[in-house]
């Protein structure tokens, strides 16, 4: 976050390998659900999704629909207070929310790397843990727009696997 004129301005994660792939606009919760279900159809163990967006942008809602699209029937709740929730069903999904951790916390202190190979890891507030992330990740930057309830989802790849994943999405 950056403070300008006593106002806090959210700063999205910036990965040194990120390549912009596409923008998807959501005009409603229904559109966000469609996007999440589409993402959920393609996730597999080893996929890492970084969801970057300000408070209320829709990160946890998107996770709900990704879980649903994966065929997982788990109830998704924000892991803000517990930091990490695991949803085990037809797919293994590890949902992390690092809003409440200090910016200087190292990812290895949190133990999330133990999930990288055995589940899909979805991280909200990845800005807080920029070290020790895998090189090939899918970055979804969620922006508010001037239109009420509309969101702009900007998708970035950081390697071959994430690029192929994003290119499957409508």
N, C-alpha and C. Protein backbone atom coordinates (compact mmCIF):
# COMPACT_ATOMS: atom_id res chain seq x y z
N UNK A 1 0.83 -1.17 0.00
CA UNK A 1 0.00 0.00 0.00
C UNK A 1 0.87 1.24 0.00
N UNK A 2 0.37 2.27 -0.63
CA UNK A 2 1.05 3.56 -0.67
C UNK A 2 0.09 4.59 -0.08
N UNK A 3 0.61 5.50 0.73
CA UNK A 3 -0.22 6.54 1.31
C UNK A 3 0.07 7.85 0.59
N UNK A 4 -0.95 8.42 -0.02
CA UNK A 4 -0.86 9.70 -0.71
C UNK A 4 -1.92 10.63 -0.14
N UNK A 5 -1.52 11.79 0.28
CA UNK A 5 -2.47 12.77 0.84
C UNK A 5 -3.39 12.15 1.87
N UNK A 6 -2.80 11.36 2.77
CA UNK A 6 -3.53 10.69 3.85
C UNK A 6 -4.54 9.65 3.35
N UNK A 7 -4.45 9.28 2.07
CA UNK A 7 -5.32 8.24 1.52
C UNK A 7 -4.46 7.03 1.18
N UNK A 8 -4.96 5.85 1.50
CA UNK A 8 -4.22 4.63 1.20
C UNK A 8 -4.61 4.16 -0.19
N UNK A 9 -3.61 3.93 -1.02
CA UNK A 9 -3.82 3.44 -2.37
C UNK A 9 -3.29 2.01 -2.45
N UNK A 10 -4.13 1.08 -2.81
CA UNK A 10 -3.73 -0.31 -2.91
C UNK A 10 -2.77 -0.51 -4.08
N UNK A 11 -1.72 -1.30 -3.87
CA UNK A 11 -0.77 -1.63 -4.92
C UNK A 11 -0.80 -3.13 -5.18
N UNK A 12 -1.14 -3.52 -6.40
CA UNK A 12 -1.17 -4.93 -6.78
C UNK A 12 0.22 -5.54 -6.75
N UNK A 13 0.25 -6.86 -6.58
CA UNK A 13 1.51 -7.59 -6.62
C UNK A 13 2.19 -7.34 -7.96
N UNK A 14 3.50 -7.29 -7.93
CA UNK A 14 4.28 -7.17 -9.15
C UNK A 14 5.33 -8.27 -9.12
N UNK A 15 5.22 -9.22 -10.05
CA UNK A 15 6.14 -10.34 -10.15
C UNK A 15 7.12 -10.03 -11.28
N UNK A 16 8.40 -10.24 -11.05
CA UNK A 16 9.40 -9.85 -12.06
C UNK A 16 9.29 -10.65 -13.36
N UNK A 17 8.58 -11.77 -13.36
CA UNK A 17 8.42 -12.57 -14.58
C UNK A 17 7.04 -12.45 -15.21
N UNK A 18 6.18 -11.59 -14.66
CA UNK A 18 4.79 -11.59 -15.14
C UNK A 18 4.66 -11.06 -16.56
N UNK A 19 3.81 -11.77 -17.32
CA UNK A 19 3.44 -11.37 -18.67
C UNK A 19 1.93 -11.23 -18.72
N UNK A 20 1.45 -10.08 -19.17
CA UNK A 20 0.01 -9.87 -19.29
C UNK A 20 -0.55 -10.80 -20.36
N UNK A 21 -1.64 -11.48 -20.04
CA UNK A 21 -2.27 -12.41 -21.00
C UNK A 21 -3.63 -11.92 -21.48
N UNK A 22 -4.52 -11.55 -20.55
CA UNK A 22 -5.86 -11.12 -20.97
C UNK A 22 -6.58 -10.39 -19.85
N UNK A 23 -7.61 -9.65 -20.26
CA UNK A 23 -8.50 -8.96 -19.32
C UNK A 23 -9.90 -9.53 -19.50
N UNK A 24 -10.55 -9.81 -18.38
CA UNK A 24 -11.94 -10.28 -18.40
C UNK A 24 -12.74 -9.34 -17.51
N UNK A 25 -13.82 -8.81 -18.05
CA UNK A 25 -14.69 -7.93 -17.27
C UNK A 25 -15.86 -8.72 -16.69
N UNK A 26 -16.17 -8.44 -15.44
CA UNK A 26 -17.34 -9.01 -14.78
C UNK A 26 -18.28 -7.87 -14.46
N UNK A 27 -19.48 -7.93 -15.01
CA UNK A 27 -20.47 -6.88 -14.75
C UNK A 27 -21.38 -7.23 -13.58
N UNK A 28 -21.23 -8.48 -13.07
CA UNK A 28 -22.11 -8.92 -11.99
C UNK A 28 -21.49 -10.11 -11.28
N UNK A 29 -22.10 -10.49 -10.17
CA UNK A 29 -21.66 -11.68 -9.44
C UNK A 29 -21.82 -12.92 -10.32
N UNK A 30 -22.84 -12.92 -11.18
CA UNK A 30 -23.05 -14.04 -12.10
C UNK A 30 -21.86 -14.19 -13.05
N UNK A 31 -21.32 -13.07 -13.56
CA UNK A 31 -20.15 -13.12 -14.43
C UNK A 31 -18.93 -13.63 -13.68
N UNK A 32 -18.79 -13.20 -12.42
CA UNK A 32 -17.67 -13.67 -11.60
C UNK A 32 -17.80 -15.17 -11.35
N UNK A 33 -19.01 -15.63 -11.13
CA UNK A 33 -19.25 -17.06 -10.93
C UNK A 33 -18.84 -17.83 -12.18
N UNK A 34 -19.21 -17.33 -13.34
CA UNK A 34 -18.85 -17.98 -14.61
C UNK A 34 -17.34 -18.08 -14.75
N UNK A 35 -16.63 -16.99 -14.44
CA UNK A 35 -15.17 -17.00 -14.52
C UNK A 35 -14.58 -18.01 -13.53
N UNK A 36 -15.05 -17.98 -12.30
CA UNK A 36 -14.53 -18.89 -11.28
C UNK A 36 -14.76 -20.35 -11.63
N UNK A 37 -15.94 -20.66 -12.10
CA UNK A 37 -16.24 -22.05 -12.48
C UNK A 37 -15.36 -22.47 -13.65
N UNK A 38 -15.13 -21.56 -14.60
CA UNK A 38 -14.26 -21.86 -15.73
C UNK A 38 -12.83 -22.15 -15.25
N UNK A 39 -12.33 -21.33 -14.34
CA UNK A 39 -10.99 -21.56 -13.78
C UNK A 39 -10.97 -22.90 -13.05
N UNK A 40 -11.99 -23.16 -12.25
CA UNK A 40 -12.07 -24.40 -11.46
C UNK A 40 -12.03 -25.66 -12.31
N UNK A 41 -12.56 -25.61 -13.51
CA UNK A 41 -12.55 -26.77 -14.41
C UNK A 41 -11.14 -27.19 -14.80
N UNK A 42 -10.21 -26.25 -14.81
CA UNK A 42 -8.87 -26.51 -15.32
C UNK A 42 -7.80 -26.66 -14.25
N UNK A 43 -8.12 -26.36 -12.99
CA UNK A 43 -7.06 -26.42 -11.97
C UNK A 43 -6.66 -27.86 -11.69
N UNK A 44 -5.41 -28.00 -11.26
CA UNK A 44 -4.89 -29.31 -10.86
C UNK A 44 -3.81 -29.10 -9.82
N UNK A 45 -3.43 -30.19 -9.17
CA UNK A 45 -2.37 -30.10 -8.16
C UNK A 45 -1.13 -29.46 -8.77
N UNK A 46 -0.54 -28.56 -8.04
CA UNK A 46 0.65 -27.86 -8.50
C UNK A 46 0.36 -26.49 -9.09
N UNK A 47 -0.90 -26.19 -9.36
CA UNK A 47 -1.25 -24.85 -9.85
C UNK A 47 -1.23 -23.89 -8.67
N UNK A 48 -0.66 -22.70 -8.90
CA UNK A 48 -0.61 -21.66 -7.87
C UNK A 48 -1.29 -20.43 -8.46
N UNK A 49 -2.35 -19.96 -7.78
CA UNK A 49 -3.07 -18.77 -8.22
C UNK A 49 -2.88 -17.68 -7.17
N UNK A 50 -2.43 -16.53 -7.61
CA UNK A 50 -2.27 -15.38 -6.73
C UNK A 50 -3.38 -14.39 -7.04
N UNK A 51 -4.24 -14.12 -6.06
CA UNK A 51 -5.36 -13.19 -6.24
C UNK A 51 -5.02 -11.88 -5.56
N UNK A 52 -4.87 -10.85 -6.36
CA UNK A 52 -4.47 -9.54 -5.86
C UNK A 52 -5.59 -8.55 -6.09
N UNK A 53 -6.04 -7.92 -5.02
CA UNK A 53 -7.10 -6.93 -5.13
C UNK A 53 -7.38 -6.30 -3.79
N UNK A 54 -7.90 -5.11 -3.81
CA UNK A 54 -8.19 -4.38 -2.59
C UNK A 54 -9.32 -5.04 -1.82
N UNK A 55 -9.55 -4.60 -0.60
CA UNK A 55 -10.66 -5.11 0.22
C UNK A 55 -11.97 -4.98 -0.56
N UNK A 56 -12.76 -6.04 -0.55
CA UNK A 56 -14.06 -6.01 -1.21
C UNK A 56 -14.02 -6.20 -2.72
N UNK A 57 -12.87 -6.50 -3.27
CA UNK A 57 -12.75 -6.65 -4.73
C UNK A 57 -13.41 -7.93 -5.23
N UNK A 58 -13.54 -8.94 -4.36
CA UNK A 58 -14.19 -10.18 -4.77
C UNK A 58 -13.27 -11.39 -4.80
N UNK A 59 -12.16 -11.32 -4.11
CA UNK A 59 -11.20 -12.43 -4.11
C UNK A 59 -11.82 -13.71 -3.54
N UNK A 60 -12.43 -13.62 -2.36
CA UNK A 60 -13.00 -14.81 -1.73
C UNK A 60 -14.20 -15.33 -2.53
N UNK A 61 -14.98 -14.46 -3.11
CA UNK A 61 -16.09 -14.91 -3.97
C UNK A 61 -15.55 -15.69 -5.16
N UNK A 62 -14.48 -15.19 -5.76
CA UNK A 62 -13.88 -15.91 -6.88
C UNK A 62 -13.40 -17.28 -6.43
N UNK A 63 -12.79 -17.37 -5.25
CA UNK A 63 -12.34 -18.67 -4.72
C UNK A 63 -13.53 -19.61 -4.56
N UNK A 64 -14.65 -19.12 -4.05
CA UNK A 64 -15.86 -19.97 -3.89
C UNK A 64 -16.23 -20.64 -5.21
N UNK A 65 -16.19 -19.85 -6.27
CA UNK A 65 -16.61 -20.37 -7.57
C UNK A 65 -15.54 -21.26 -8.20
N UNK A 66 -14.28 -20.98 -7.93
CA UNK A 66 -13.21 -21.87 -8.40
C UNK A 66 -13.37 -23.24 -7.75
N UNK A 67 -13.61 -23.25 -6.45
CA UNK A 67 -13.82 -24.51 -5.72
C UNK A 67 -15.02 -25.24 -6.29
N UNK A 68 -16.11 -24.53 -6.51
CA UNK A 68 -17.31 -25.14 -7.09
C UNK A 68 -17.01 -25.71 -8.48
N UNK A 69 -16.33 -24.95 -9.31
CA UNK A 69 -16.01 -25.39 -10.67
C UNK A 69 -15.09 -26.60 -10.71
N UNK A 70 -14.31 -26.79 -9.65
CA UNK A 70 -13.40 -27.94 -9.60
C UNK A 70 -14.13 -29.24 -9.25
N UNK A 71 -15.41 -29.12 -8.88
CA UNK A 71 -16.18 -30.29 -8.46
C UNK A 71 -16.07 -30.55 -6.98
N UNK A 72 -15.43 -29.66 -6.25
CA UNK A 72 -15.25 -29.79 -4.81
C UNK A 72 -16.48 -29.20 -4.13
N UNK A 73 -17.09 -29.94 -3.23
CA UNK A 73 -18.32 -29.49 -2.57
C UNK A 73 -18.09 -28.81 -1.23
N UNK A 74 -16.84 -28.51 -0.90
CA UNK A 74 -16.51 -27.89 0.38
C UNK A 74 -17.11 -26.49 0.50
N UNK A 75 -17.46 -26.12 1.73
CA UNK A 75 -17.94 -24.77 2.01
C UNK A 75 -16.72 -23.86 2.13
N UNK A 76 -16.69 -22.81 1.36
CA UNK A 76 -15.56 -21.88 1.35
C UNK A 76 -15.86 -20.71 2.27
N UNK A 77 -14.94 -20.49 3.20
CA UNK A 77 -15.03 -19.33 4.07
C UNK A 77 -13.70 -18.61 4.00
N UNK A 78 -13.72 -17.33 4.26
CA UNK A 78 -12.48 -16.57 4.23
C UNK A 78 -11.56 -17.05 5.34
N UNK A 79 -10.33 -17.41 5.00
CA UNK A 79 -9.39 -17.87 6.03
C UNK A 79 -8.61 -16.72 6.68
N UNK A 80 -9.19 -15.52 6.71
CA UNK A 80 -8.49 -14.35 7.22
C UNK A 80 -7.92 -14.58 8.61
N UNK A 81 -8.65 -15.23 9.49
CA UNK A 81 -8.19 -15.40 10.86
C UNK A 81 -7.35 -16.65 11.06
N UNK A 82 -7.59 -17.69 10.26
CA UNK A 82 -6.80 -18.92 10.40
C UNK A 82 -5.67 -18.99 9.37
N UNK A 83 -5.65 -18.11 8.43
CA UNK A 83 -4.66 -17.97 7.36
C UNK A 83 -4.78 -19.01 6.25
N UNK A 84 -4.99 -20.28 6.59
CA UNK A 84 -5.01 -21.33 5.56
C UNK A 84 -6.19 -22.27 5.81
N UNK A 85 -7.00 -22.50 4.77
CA UNK A 85 -8.06 -23.51 4.79
C UNK A 85 -7.75 -24.53 3.70
N UNK A 86 -8.02 -25.79 3.99
CA UNK A 86 -7.86 -26.85 3.00
C UNK A 86 -9.22 -27.41 2.65
N UNK A 87 -9.47 -27.55 1.36
CA UNK A 87 -10.72 -28.13 0.87
C UNK A 87 -10.35 -29.41 0.15
N UNK A 88 -10.73 -30.54 0.73
CA UNK A 88 -10.37 -31.83 0.16
C UNK A 88 -11.66 -32.52 -0.27
N UNK A 89 -11.74 -32.84 -1.53
CA UNK A 89 -12.90 -33.51 -2.10
C UNK A 89 -12.43 -34.11 -3.42
N UNK A 90 -13.10 -33.82 -4.52
CA UNK A 90 -12.64 -34.30 -5.82
C UNK A 90 -11.30 -33.69 -6.20
N UNK A 91 -11.03 -32.53 -5.65
CA UNK A 91 -9.74 -31.87 -5.87
C UNK A 91 -9.24 -31.36 -4.52
N UNK A 92 -7.94 -31.20 -4.41
CA UNK A 92 -7.36 -30.64 -3.19
C UNK A 92 -7.04 -29.17 -3.46
N UNK A 93 -7.63 -28.32 -2.64
CA UNK A 93 -7.40 -26.89 -2.80
C UNK A 93 -6.97 -26.32 -1.45
N UNK A 94 -5.88 -25.57 -1.47
CA UNK A 94 -5.39 -24.88 -0.29
C UNK A 94 -5.63 -23.39 -0.52
N UNK A 95 -6.44 -22.80 0.36
CA UNK A 95 -6.86 -21.40 0.23
C UNK A 95 -6.20 -20.59 1.34
N UNK A 96 -5.36 -19.65 0.96
CA UNK A 96 -4.62 -18.84 1.92
C UNK A 96 -5.07 -17.39 1.83
N UNK A 97 -5.19 -16.74 2.97
CA UNK A 97 -5.52 -15.32 3.02
C UNK A 97 -4.53 -14.68 3.97
N UNK A 98 -3.62 -13.88 3.42
CA UNK A 98 -2.54 -13.31 4.21
C UNK A 98 -2.74 -11.84 4.55
N UNK A 99 -3.98 -11.40 4.55
CA UNK A 99 -4.29 -10.01 4.87
C UNK A 99 -3.74 -9.60 6.24
N UNK A 100 -3.83 -10.47 7.22
CA UNK A 100 -3.47 -10.13 8.60
C UNK A 100 -2.00 -10.37 8.96
N UNK A 101 -1.19 -10.83 8.02
CA UNK A 101 0.21 -11.06 8.38
C UNK A 101 1.06 -9.81 8.09
N UNK A 102 2.20 -9.74 8.74
CA UNK A 102 3.13 -8.64 8.52
C UNK A 102 3.77 -8.77 7.15
N UNK A 103 4.08 -7.64 6.55
CA UNK A 103 4.72 -7.61 5.23
C UNK A 103 6.05 -8.34 5.23
N UNK A 104 6.73 -8.43 6.34
CA UNK A 104 8.05 -9.02 6.39
C UNK A 104 8.04 -10.52 6.65
N UNK A 105 6.87 -11.11 6.79
CA UNK A 105 6.78 -12.54 7.05
C UNK A 105 7.25 -13.31 5.83
N UNK A 106 8.09 -14.28 6.05
CA UNK A 106 8.58 -15.12 4.96
C UNK A 106 7.59 -16.26 4.70
N UNK A 107 7.42 -16.62 3.44
CA UNK A 107 6.50 -17.70 3.08
C UNK A 107 6.87 -19.00 3.77
N UNK A 108 8.18 -19.24 3.95
CA UNK A 108 8.57 -20.50 4.59
C UNK A 108 8.18 -20.54 6.06
N UNK A 109 8.00 -19.39 6.69
CA UNK A 109 7.52 -19.35 8.07
C UNK A 109 6.07 -19.83 8.16
N UNK A 110 5.33 -19.66 7.08
CA UNK A 110 3.92 -20.03 7.05
C UNK A 110 3.72 -21.49 6.67
N UNK A 111 4.70 -22.10 6.04
CA UNK A 111 4.62 -23.50 5.67
C UNK A 111 3.80 -23.80 4.43
N UNK A 112 3.50 -22.78 3.61
CA UNK A 112 2.64 -23.05 2.45
C UNK A 112 3.34 -23.86 1.37
N UNK A 113 4.67 -23.82 1.34
CA UNK A 113 5.38 -24.56 0.28
C UNK A 113 5.11 -26.05 0.35
N UNK A 114 4.70 -26.55 1.51
CA UNK A 114 4.39 -27.98 1.63
C UNK A 114 3.14 -28.36 0.83
N UNK A 115 2.35 -27.38 0.44
CA UNK A 115 1.13 -27.63 -0.33
C UNK A 115 1.33 -27.50 -1.83
N UNK A 116 2.42 -26.89 -2.28
CA UNK A 116 2.60 -26.55 -3.68
C UNK A 116 2.44 -27.72 -4.64
N UNK A 117 2.93 -28.89 -4.29
CA UNK A 117 2.88 -30.03 -5.20
C UNK A 117 1.62 -30.88 -5.06
N UNK A 118 0.97 -30.83 -3.90
CA UNK A 118 -0.12 -31.76 -3.61
C UNK A 118 -1.51 -31.15 -3.65
N UNK A 119 -1.60 -29.89 -4.02
CA UNK A 119 -2.91 -29.26 -4.14
C UNK A 119 -2.80 -28.05 -5.05
N UNK A 120 -3.95 -27.49 -5.39
CA UNK A 120 -3.98 -26.18 -6.02
C UNK A 120 -3.91 -25.19 -4.88
N UNK A 121 -2.99 -24.25 -4.95
CA UNK A 121 -2.85 -23.25 -3.89
C UNK A 121 -3.35 -21.91 -4.42
N UNK A 122 -4.33 -21.35 -3.70
CA UNK A 122 -4.89 -20.05 -4.06
C UNK A 122 -4.55 -19.09 -2.93
N UNK A 123 -3.85 -18.01 -3.26
CA UNK A 123 -3.37 -17.08 -2.24
C UNK A 123 -3.99 -15.71 -2.43
N UNK A 124 -4.75 -15.27 -1.42
CA UNK A 124 -5.23 -13.90 -1.37
C UNK A 124 -4.19 -13.06 -0.64
N UNK A 125 -4.01 -11.84 -1.07
CA UNK A 125 -3.03 -10.91 -0.50
C UNK A 125 -1.60 -11.44 -0.68
N UNK A 126 -1.24 -11.86 -1.90
CA UNK A 126 0.12 -12.36 -2.14
C UNK A 126 1.17 -11.25 -2.00
N UNK A 127 0.74 -10.00 -1.99
CA UNK A 127 1.67 -8.87 -1.82
C UNK A 127 2.44 -8.99 -0.51
N UNK A 128 1.86 -9.71 0.45
CA UNK A 128 2.47 -9.84 1.77
C UNK A 128 3.59 -10.88 1.81
N UNK A 129 3.65 -11.75 0.82
CA UNK A 129 4.66 -12.83 0.84
C UNK A 129 5.29 -12.99 -0.54
N UNK A 130 6.04 -12.06 -0.97
CA UNK A 130 6.59 -12.12 -2.33
C UNK A 130 7.79 -13.05 -2.47
N UNK A 131 8.39 -13.45 -1.36
CA UNK A 131 9.54 -14.37 -1.43
C UNK A 131 9.05 -15.81 -1.35
N UNK A 132 9.83 -16.72 -1.89
CA UNK A 132 9.57 -18.16 -1.82
C UNK A 132 8.31 -18.62 -2.54
N UNK A 133 7.82 -17.83 -3.46
CA UNK A 133 6.73 -18.28 -4.31
C UNK A 133 7.33 -19.04 -5.48
N UNK A 134 6.63 -20.04 -5.99
CA UNK A 134 7.13 -20.74 -7.18
C UNK A 134 7.31 -19.76 -8.34
N UNK A 135 8.16 -20.12 -9.28
CA UNK A 135 8.41 -19.23 -10.42
C UNK A 135 7.22 -19.15 -11.37
N UNK A 136 6.52 -20.26 -11.57
CA UNK A 136 5.42 -20.30 -12.54
C UNK A 136 4.09 -20.25 -11.80
N UNK A 137 3.48 -19.08 -11.79
CA UNK A 137 2.21 -18.87 -11.09
C UNK A 137 1.24 -18.12 -12.00
N UNK A 138 -0.04 -18.25 -11.68
CA UNK A 138 -1.09 -17.50 -12.36
C UNK A 138 -1.42 -16.32 -11.46
N UNK A 139 -1.35 -15.12 -11.99
CA UNK A 139 -1.67 -13.93 -11.21
C UNK A 139 -2.96 -13.35 -11.75
N UNK A 140 -3.91 -13.12 -10.84
CA UNK A 140 -5.17 -12.48 -11.21
C UNK A 140 -5.28 -11.20 -10.39
N UNK A 141 -5.20 -10.07 -11.09
CA UNK A 141 -5.32 -8.77 -10.45
C UNK A 141 -6.74 -8.27 -10.65
N UNK A 142 -7.42 -8.04 -9.54
CA UNK A 142 -8.83 -7.63 -9.59
C UNK A 142 -8.92 -6.14 -9.31
N UNK A 143 -9.54 -5.43 -10.25
CA UNK A 143 -9.66 -3.98 -10.14
C UNK A 143 -11.14 -3.58 -10.06
N UNK A 144 -11.42 -2.58 -9.24
CA UNK A 144 -12.72 -1.92 -9.29
C UNK A 144 -12.74 -1.08 -10.56
N UNK A 145 -13.92 -0.84 -11.11
CA UNK A 145 -14.05 0.06 -12.25
C UNK A 145 -14.97 1.21 -11.83
N UNK A 146 -15.21 2.11 -12.74
CA UNK A 146 -16.10 3.24 -12.47
C UNK A 146 -17.56 2.80 -12.37
N UNK A 147 -17.86 1.61 -12.90
CA UNK A 147 -19.23 1.12 -12.92
C UNK A 147 -19.49 0.27 -11.67
N UNK A 148 -20.55 0.58 -10.96
CA UNK A 148 -20.88 -0.14 -9.73
C UNK A 148 -21.02 -1.64 -10.01
N UNK A 149 -20.44 -2.46 -9.16
CA UNK A 149 -20.47 -3.93 -9.22
C UNK A 149 -19.64 -4.52 -10.37
N UNK A 150 -19.02 -3.70 -11.18
CA UNK A 150 -18.18 -4.23 -12.25
C UNK A 150 -16.75 -4.41 -11.73
N UNK A 151 -16.10 -5.49 -12.17
CA UNK A 151 -14.72 -5.75 -11.83
C UNK A 151 -13.94 -6.05 -13.11
N UNK A 152 -12.67 -5.67 -13.09
CA UNK A 152 -11.78 -5.97 -14.20
C UNK A 152 -10.76 -6.97 -13.67
N UNK A 153 -10.73 -8.17 -14.26
CA UNK A 153 -9.80 -9.23 -13.90
C UNK A 153 -8.69 -9.23 -14.94
N UNK A 154 -7.49 -8.90 -14.50
CA UNK A 154 -6.33 -8.91 -15.40
C UNK A 154 -5.50 -10.14 -15.07
N UNK A 155 -5.28 -10.99 -16.06
CA UNK A 155 -4.60 -12.27 -15.85
C UNK A 155 -3.19 -12.22 -16.42
N UNK A 156 -2.25 -12.69 -15.59
CA UNK A 156 -0.83 -12.68 -15.94
C UNK A 156 -0.26 -14.08 -15.75
N UNK A 157 0.66 -14.44 -16.62
CA UNK A 157 1.40 -15.69 -16.48
C UNK A 157 2.83 -15.35 -16.09
N UNK A 158 3.53 -16.33 -15.51
CA UNK A 158 4.95 -16.13 -15.20
C UNK A 158 5.79 -17.29 -15.74
N UNK A 159 5.19 -18.11 -16.57
CA UNK A 159 5.91 -19.25 -17.13
C UNK A 159 5.04 -19.97 -18.14
N UNK A 160 5.55 -21.05 -18.68
CA UNK A 160 4.86 -21.80 -19.73
C UNK A 160 3.57 -22.43 -19.22
N UNK A 161 3.62 -23.07 -18.03
CA UNK A 161 2.44 -23.74 -17.49
C UNK A 161 1.31 -22.74 -17.24
N UNK A 162 1.61 -21.61 -16.62
CA UNK A 162 0.57 -20.62 -16.32
C UNK A 162 0.02 -19.99 -17.60
N UNK A 163 0.88 -19.80 -18.60
CA UNK A 163 0.43 -19.25 -19.88
C UNK A 163 -0.57 -20.20 -20.55
N UNK A 164 -0.24 -21.49 -20.56
CA UNK A 164 -1.17 -22.48 -21.14
C UNK A 164 -2.49 -22.51 -20.38
N UNK A 165 -2.41 -22.43 -19.06
CA UNK A 165 -3.62 -22.43 -18.24
C UNK A 165 -4.52 -21.25 -18.60
N UNK A 166 -3.97 -20.05 -18.63
CA UNK A 166 -4.76 -18.85 -18.91
C UNK A 166 -5.35 -18.90 -20.31
N UNK A 167 -4.62 -19.44 -21.26
CA UNK A 167 -5.11 -19.51 -22.64
C UNK A 167 -6.29 -20.46 -22.80
N UNK A 168 -6.52 -21.35 -21.83
CA UNK A 168 -7.69 -22.23 -21.87
C UNK A 168 -8.96 -21.49 -21.49
N UNK A 169 -8.84 -20.38 -20.76
CA UNK A 169 -10.01 -19.67 -20.25
C UNK A 169 -10.68 -18.87 -21.37
N UNK A 170 -12.01 -18.78 -21.26
CA UNK A 170 -12.78 -18.03 -22.26
C UNK A 170 -12.63 -16.54 -22.07
